[in-house]
Amino acid sequence: MGVTRFPAPQRAGRCTKGLDTMDITLHVGAHRTASTSFQYYLRHNADGLKDRGIGVWEPHRTRDGLLTGVIPVPGRRGAAEQLRRARGRIAMTLRLSQAKGIERLLVSDENMLGSARRNLRAGALYPDAGLRLARFHEAFGGHVGRVVLSIRSQDSYWASAMAFAVARGHRVPGMRERASLVANPRGWRDVIAEIACALPGAEIIVLPHETFAGRPARRLTEMMRVDDPPRGHGEARLNRAPSLGALRKALEMRGGDPARLGEGADDARWWPFDDSGIARLREAYADDLFWLRAGADGLATLIEETGPVKAGIHPPPGQ
């Protein structure tokens, strides 16, 4: 298991001056937490949000070259030069947005945090989260005021990530790999701590997938403090994990053995872990939630149905 090393970001240059009034929020995922459905909602409500002074950069924008070089790619230019050029490109785009009346910006792209496939290869949740987000913080001139992270119970997160990967040609993980995932101690708490180190001073908001998955308007309210969010286009359910039957067909088409997926009805979800593994992963998630509800060492705010849970010695009554 390796960890990518990036050169340390340099200080922001003159190109970011005058942008300190822009309220910038990064929605960094995670994957498999209905982020694609939420971005569909943002994209189709962008005009209405623009009228309120809120700009939206979702993957149709961020993956069209705008953020290229924040995370270095192979080429003639080194990592530092790529970041410098990306910083300038972003600053210019932010200025154009300001000229159009945009005062608050929401950047939603789960690939800022990493990739689900890399997580599977590394056998851990976002092993490069801190290094990556430090570069994004620098790319936005150090003006990121808020980071939003959606988290999900590890048993269903890994099951969904595996199913999605297998459907796209990834081999079915063996028993040893699945056992390694169950045993790995890295949890959401570690990811959050790295984000806090990478973006000092930024507010970190944590939204449980189990609460917000099918509620994009409510999610936007918590992210951007929007009192009356748009209601349209919130019904989409995109990029769902394929069913067991769909995975079996995908394996058959490329000469794989569907029996490796185990038993179960075709319309059921694929659960790659046994009961013991599921219990351990759920316990790890419960530990993460307990830490968040107890104040997360002052690093983050957990938003649940009962409202924000900020630093305190004990969880509020009823939680």
Protein backbone atom coordinates (compact mmCIF):
# COMPACT_ATOMS: atom_id res chain seq x y z
CA MET A 1 0.00 0.00 0.00
CA GLY A 2 1.61 3.25 -1.13
CA VAL A 3 0.87 6.89 -0.48
CA THR A 4 1.42 9.51 -3.18
CA ARG A 5 3.78 12.30 -2.12
CA PHE A 6 3.18 15.76 -3.52
CA PRO A 7 5.51 18.73 -3.06
CA ALA A 8 4.33 21.15 -0.39
CA PRO A 9 2.12 23.95 -1.77
CA GLN A 10 3.68 27.39 -1.97
CA ARG A 11 2.07 30.56 -0.64
CA ALA A 12 -0.60 32.19 -2.78
CA GLY A 13 0.66 34.83 -5.15
CA ARG A 14 -0.69 38.19 -6.20
CA CYS A 15 -3.25 36.57 -8.51
CA THR A 16 -5.52 35.86 -5.53
CA LYS A 17 -5.61 39.39 -4.16
CA GLY A 18 -9.10 40.88 -3.99
CA LEU A 19 -10.78 37.49 -3.71
CA ASP A 20 -10.85 37.32 0.09
CA THR A 21 -14.47 38.51 0.07
CA MET A 22 -15.64 35.43 -1.85
CA ASP A 23 -17.26 32.83 0.41
CA ILE A 24 -15.94 29.52 -0.92
CA THR A 25 -17.34 26.13 0.13
CA LEU A 26 -15.80 22.84 -1.01
CA HIS A 27 -18.08 19.81 -1.09
CA VAL A 28 -15.51 17.02 -1.31
CA GLY A 29 -17.75 13.96 -1.32
CA ALA A 30 -17.27 11.27 -0.27
CA HIS A 31 -17.98 8.90 -3.17
CA ARG A 32 -21.01 6.64 -2.90
CA THR A 33 -22.92 9.21 -0.81
CA ALA A 34 -25.39 10.41 -3.49
CA SER A 35 -22.96 13.11 -4.64
CA THR A 36 -23.83 12.63 -8.33
CA SER A 37 -27.54 13.08 -7.61
CA PHE A 38 -26.78 16.20 -5.59
CA GLN A 39 -24.66 17.62 -8.41
CA TYR A 40 -27.51 16.94 -10.86
CA TYR A 41 -29.75 18.98 -8.55
CA LEU A 42 -27.20 21.81 -8.42
CA ARG A 43 -26.68 21.84 -12.18
CA HIS A 44 -30.40 22.13 -12.93
CA ASN A 45 -30.93 24.84 -10.32
CA ALA A 46 -27.80 26.84 -11.13
CA ASP A 47 -29.67 29.77 -12.69
CA GLY A 48 -31.94 30.20 -9.68
CA LEU A 49 -28.99 30.02 -7.32
CA LYS A 50 -27.09 32.55 -9.42
CA ASP A 51 -29.92 35.01 -8.89
CA ARG A 52 -29.20 34.69 -5.16
CA GLY A 53 -25.51 35.37 -5.65
CA ILE A 54 -24.52 31.70 -5.33
CA GLY A 55 -22.26 30.17 -7.95
CA VAL A 56 -21.95 26.44 -8.54
CA TRP A 57 -18.98 24.52 -9.88
CA GLU A 58 -19.90 20.85 -10.29
CA PRO A 59 -18.07 18.15 -12.28
CA HIS A 60 -19.27 19.42 -15.66
CA ARG A 61 -17.22 22.51 -14.83
CA THR A 62 -14.43 21.26 -12.58
CA ARG A 63 -13.44 18.38 -14.85
CA ASP A 64 -13.31 20.49 -18.00
CA GLY A 65 -9.76 21.68 -17.35
CA LEU A 66 -10.50 24.26 -14.67
CA LEU A 67 -8.84 22.32 -11.85
CA THR A 68 -6.22 20.55 -13.96
CA GLY A 69 -2.85 20.65 -12.27
CA VAL A 70 -4.06 21.09 -8.72
CA ILE A 71 -3.27 17.42 -8.35
CA PRO A 72 -0.15 16.94 -10.52
CA VAL A 73 -0.41 14.92 -13.71
CA PRO A 74 2.42 13.46 -15.83
CA GLY A 75 3.91 16.00 -18.22
CA ARG A 76 6.73 18.46 -18.87
CA ARG A 77 5.75 20.77 -16.01
CA GLY A 78 6.54 19.89 -12.43
CA ALA A 79 4.00 19.71 -9.64
CA ALA A 80 4.77 23.24 -8.36
CA GLU A 81 4.40 24.80 -11.80
CA GLN A 82 1.16 22.93 -12.44
CA LEU A 83 -0.26 24.22 -9.17
CA ARG A 84 0.85 27.79 -9.93
CA ARG A 85 -0.92 27.73 -13.29
CA ALA A 86 -4.05 26.18 -11.80
CA ARG A 87 -4.08 28.84 -9.07
CA GLY A 88 -3.96 31.59 -11.66
CA ARG A 89 -6.69 29.97 -13.76
CA ILE A 90 -8.97 29.60 -10.74
CA ALA A 91 -8.33 33.18 -9.58
CA MET A 92 -9.22 34.53 -13.02
CA THR A 93 -12.43 32.49 -13.08
CA LEU A 94 -13.34 33.67 -9.58
CA ARG A 95 -12.89 37.28 -10.65
CA LEU A 96 -15.20 36.75 -13.61
CA SER A 97 -17.76 35.23 -11.26
CA GLN A 98 -17.50 38.21 -8.92
CA ALA A 99 -18.06 40.56 -11.83
CA LYS A 100 -21.32 38.71 -12.53
CA GLY A 101 -22.54 39.22 -8.98
CA ILE A 102 -21.47 35.91 -7.45
CA GLU A 103 -20.65 36.37 -3.77
CA ARG A 104 -20.71 32.74 -2.61
CA LEU A 105 -19.31 29.73 -4.42
CA LEU A 106 -20.05 26.03 -3.95
CA VAL A 107 -17.51 23.67 -5.52
CA SER A 108 -18.84 20.11 -5.52
CA ASP A 109 -16.54 17.36 -6.79
CA GLU A 110 -15.81 14.19 -4.83
CA ASN A 111 -12.65 13.59 -6.84
CA MET A 112 -10.97 16.39 -4.89
CA LEU A 113 -10.75 13.93 -2.01
CA GLY A 114 -9.42 11.03 -4.08
CA SER A 115 -11.09 8.12 -5.84
CA ALA A 116 -13.06 5.09 -4.73
CA ARG A 117 -10.88 2.81 -6.86
CA ARG A 118 -7.74 4.12 -5.19
CA ASN A 119 -9.36 3.45 -1.84
CA LEU A 120 -9.94 -0.15 -2.88
CA ARG A 121 -6.36 -0.53 -4.11
CA ALA A 122 -4.98 1.00 -0.92
CA GLY A 123 -7.44 -0.86 1.29
CA ALA A 124 -8.20 2.35 3.22
CA LEU A 125 -10.43 5.42 3.18
CA TYR A 126 -8.79 8.24 1.19
CA PRO A 127 -5.15 7.72 2.20
CA ASP A 128 -4.04 10.98 0.50
CA ALA A 129 -6.90 13.19 1.71
CA GLY A 130 -4.75 15.69 3.58
CA LEU A 131 -2.13 16.07 0.86
CA ARG A 132 -4.74 16.54 -1.84
CA LEU A 133 -6.88 19.06 0.00
CA ALA A 134 -3.83 21.10 1.04
CA ARG A 135 -3.19 21.66 -2.66
CA PHE A 136 -6.82 22.60 -3.31
CA HIS A 137 -6.69 25.03 -0.40
CA GLU A 138 -3.63 26.64 -1.97
CA ALA A 139 -5.22 26.59 -5.44
CA PHE A 140 -8.08 28.72 -4.10
CA GLY A 141 -5.64 31.17 -2.58
CA GLY A 142 -6.22 30.00 0.97
CA HIS A 143 -9.73 31.48 0.89
CA VAL A 144 -11.73 28.29 1.46
CA GLY A 145 -14.06 29.00 4.36
CA ARG A 146 -15.98 25.77 4.61
CA VAL A 147 -15.51 22.10 3.72
CA VAL A 148 -18.45 19.69 3.57
CA LEU A 149 -17.94 15.94 3.82
CA SER A 150 -20.63 13.29 3.53
CA ILE A 151 -19.87 10.05 5.35
CA ARG A 152 -21.47 6.62 5.20
CA SER A 153 -21.38 3.47 7.28
CA GLN A 154 -18.25 1.59 6.25
CA ASP A 155 -20.05 -1.68 5.52
CA SER A 156 -22.37 -0.11 2.94
CA TYR A 157 -19.69 2.30 1.67
CA TRP A 158 -17.26 -0.49 0.80
CA ALA A 159 -20.03 -2.73 -0.57
CA SER A 160 -21.23 0.06 -2.85
CA ALA A 161 -17.70 0.97 -3.94
CA MET A 162 -16.89 -2.67 -4.73
CA ALA A 163 -20.12 -3.20 -6.68
CA PHE A 164 -19.56 -0.06 -8.74
CA ALA A 165 -15.95 -1.02 -9.46
CA VAL A 166 -16.80 -4.62 -10.44
CA ALA A 167 -19.50 -3.36 -12.81
CA ARG A 168 -16.86 -1.19 -14.51
CA GLY A 169 -14.37 -4.00 -15.01
CA HIS A 170 -12.59 -4.27 -11.68
CA ARG A 171 -11.96 -7.82 -10.54
CA VAL A 172 -13.95 -9.21 -7.62
CA PRO A 173 -11.88 -8.66 -4.45
CA GLY A 174 -10.81 -11.90 -2.77
CA MET A 175 -11.44 -12.92 0.81
CA ARG A 176 -8.03 -11.68 1.94
CA GLU A 177 -8.66 -8.21 0.49
CA ARG A 178 -12.08 -8.00 2.09
CA ALA A 179 -10.66 -9.09 5.44
CA SER A 180 -7.98 -6.41 5.12
CA LEU A 181 -10.64 -3.75 4.61
CA VAL A 182 -12.47 -4.92 7.71
CA ALA A 183 -9.29 -4.89 9.79
CA ASN A 184 -7.98 -1.52 8.61
CA PRO A 185 -8.26 0.97 11.50
CA ARG A 186 -8.53 4.08 9.31
CA GLY A 187 -11.98 5.60 9.61
CA TRP A 188 -13.80 8.83 8.85
CA ARG A 189 -12.30 10.37 11.97
CA ASP A 190 -8.85 10.11 10.42
CA VAL A 191 -10.05 11.62 7.14
CA ILE A 192 -11.65 14.55 8.98
CA ALA A 193 -8.53 15.16 11.06
CA GLU A 194 -6.42 15.34 7.89
CA ILE A 195 -8.88 17.77 6.28
CA ALA A 196 -8.66 19.99 9.35
CA CYS A 197 -4.85 20.00 9.11
CA ALA A 198 -4.94 20.75 5.38
CA LEU A 199 -7.37 23.66 5.70
CA PRO A 200 -6.61 25.40 9.01
CA GLY A 201 -9.37 27.74 10.05
CA ALA A 202 -11.95 26.36 7.63
CA GLU A 203 -15.27 25.20 9.04
CA ILE A 204 -15.82 21.46 8.50
CA ILE A 205 -19.39 20.20 8.21
CA VAL A 206 -20.13 16.48 8.23
CA LEU A 207 -23.39 15.14 6.75
CA PRO A 208 -24.32 11.45 7.29
CA HIS A 209 -25.42 9.74 4.10
CA GLU A 210 -28.11 7.89 6.02
CA THR A 211 -29.82 11.23 6.73
CA PHE A 212 -29.17 13.31 3.61
CA ALA A 213 -28.89 10.86 0.69
CA GLY A 214 -32.23 11.63 -0.93
CA ARG A 215 -32.59 15.21 0.29
CA PRO A 216 -30.52 17.54 -1.92
CA ALA A 217 -32.45 20.67 -0.91
CA ARG A 218 -31.83 20.01 2.76
CA ARG A 219 -28.19 19.27 1.99
CA LEU A 220 -27.84 22.59 0.19
CA THR A 221 -29.43 24.37 3.16
CA GLU A 222 -26.82 22.98 5.52
CA MET A 223 -23.94 23.66 3.14
CA MET A 224 -24.78 27.22 2.12
CA ARG A 225 -27.22 28.45 4.79
CA VAL A 226 -29.96 28.79 2.18
CA ASP A 227 -33.30 29.38 3.90
CA ASP A 228 -35.54 28.51 0.94
CA PRO A 229 -33.61 26.16 -1.38
CA PRO A 230 -34.88 25.23 -4.85
CA ARG A 231 -37.16 22.19 -4.80
CA GLY A 232 -37.02 21.06 -8.40
CA HIS A 233 -34.86 18.22 -9.77
CA GLY A 234 -34.38 16.65 -6.38
CA GLU A 235 -35.83 13.25 -7.26
CA ALA A 236 -32.90 11.93 -9.31
CA ARG A 237 -31.15 8.83 -8.01
CA LEU A 238 -28.03 8.54 -10.12
CA ASN A 239 -25.05 6.16 -10.10
CA ARG A 240 -26.67 3.71 -7.74
CA ALA A 241 -24.69 0.58 -7.02
CA PRO A 242 -25.75 -2.19 -9.45
CA SER A 243 -27.83 -5.08 -8.19
CA LEU A 244 -26.46 -8.58 -7.73
CA GLY A 245 -28.09 -9.67 -11.00
CA ALA A 246 -26.49 -6.82 -12.93
CA LEU A 247 -23.09 -7.70 -11.49
CA ARG A 248 -23.51 -11.34 -12.48
CA LYS A 249 -24.30 -10.33 -16.07
CA ALA A 250 -21.31 -7.99 -16.16
CA LEU A 251 -18.99 -10.78 -15.00
CA GLU A 252 -20.44 -13.27 -17.49
CA MET A 253 -19.94 -10.82 -20.37
CA ARG A 254 -16.23 -10.59 -19.68
CA GLY A 255 -15.73 -14.29 -18.91
CA GLY A 256 -15.73 -14.03 -15.14
CA ASP A 257 -17.28 -16.39 -12.64
CA PRO A 258 -20.55 -15.03 -11.19
CA ALA A 259 -20.30 -17.59 -8.38
CA ARG A 260 -17.60 -15.41 -6.80
CA LEU A 261 -20.34 -12.98 -5.85
CA GLY A 262 -22.04 -15.54 -3.63
CA GLU A 263 -25.72 -16.31 -3.28
CA GLY A 264 -28.67 -13.95 -3.30
CA ALA A 265 -31.59 -12.80 -5.40
CA ASP A 266 -30.79 -10.94 -8.61
CA ASP A 267 -32.59 -7.81 -7.41
CA ALA A 268 -30.74 -7.77 -4.08
CA ARG A 269 -27.66 -5.78 -3.14
CA TRP A 270 -24.29 -7.47 -3.09
CA TRP A 271 -22.85 -7.77 0.40
CA PRO A 272 -19.19 -8.83 0.08
CA PHE A 273 -18.69 -9.21 3.85
CA ASP A 274 -19.85 -11.90 6.23
CA ASP A 275 -21.87 -11.10 9.34
CA SER A 276 -18.75 -10.68 11.46
CA GLY A 277 -17.20 -8.26 8.98
CA ILE A 278 -20.39 -6.22 8.71
CA ALA A 279 -20.60 -5.98 12.50
CA ARG A 280 -16.99 -4.75 12.77
CA LEU A 281 -17.43 -2.14 10.05
CA ARG A 282 -20.64 -0.87 11.60
CA GLU A 283 -18.94 -0.66 14.96
CA ALA A 284 -16.18 1.44 13.38
CA TYR A 285 -18.80 3.81 11.97
CA ALA A 286 -20.52 4.00 15.34
CA ASP A 287 -17.18 5.01 16.87
CA ASP A 288 -16.76 7.74 14.24
CA LEU A 289 -20.24 9.08 14.94
CA PHE A 290 -19.67 8.98 18.70
CA TRP A 291 -16.50 11.03 18.26
CA LEU A 292 -18.35 13.54 16.08
CA ARG A 293 -21.28 13.80 18.48
CA ALA A 294 -18.89 14.34 21.36
CA GLY A 295 -17.46 17.39 19.61
CA ALA A 296 -14.86 15.92 17.23
CA ASP A 297 -12.10 17.57 19.28
CA GLY A 298 -13.43 20.88 17.99
CA LEU A 299 -12.51 20.01 14.39
CA ALA A 300 -15.92 19.49 12.79
CA THR A 301 -19.67 19.89 13.12
CA LEU A 302 -21.95 16.90 12.61
CA ILE A 303 -25.38 17.75 11.19
CA GLU A 304 -28.19 15.32 11.95
CA GLU A 305 -31.96 15.51 12.14
CA THR A 306 -31.74 17.14 15.54
CA GLY A 307 -29.49 19.92 14.23
CA PRO A 308 -25.78 20.66 14.54
CA VAL A 309 -23.75 18.91 17.20
CA LYS A 310 -20.77 21.03 18.22
CA ALA A 311 -18.08 20.57 20.82
CA GLY A 312 -19.26 19.25 24.15
CA ILE A 313 -18.37 16.69 26.76
CA HIS A 314 -21.45 14.53 26.20
CA PRO A 315 -23.81 14.09 23.25
CA PRO A 316 -27.06 16.06 23.52
CA PRO A 317 -29.98 14.23 25.16
CA GLY A 318 -31.67 11.67 22.95
CA GLN A 319 -28.68 11.01 20.69
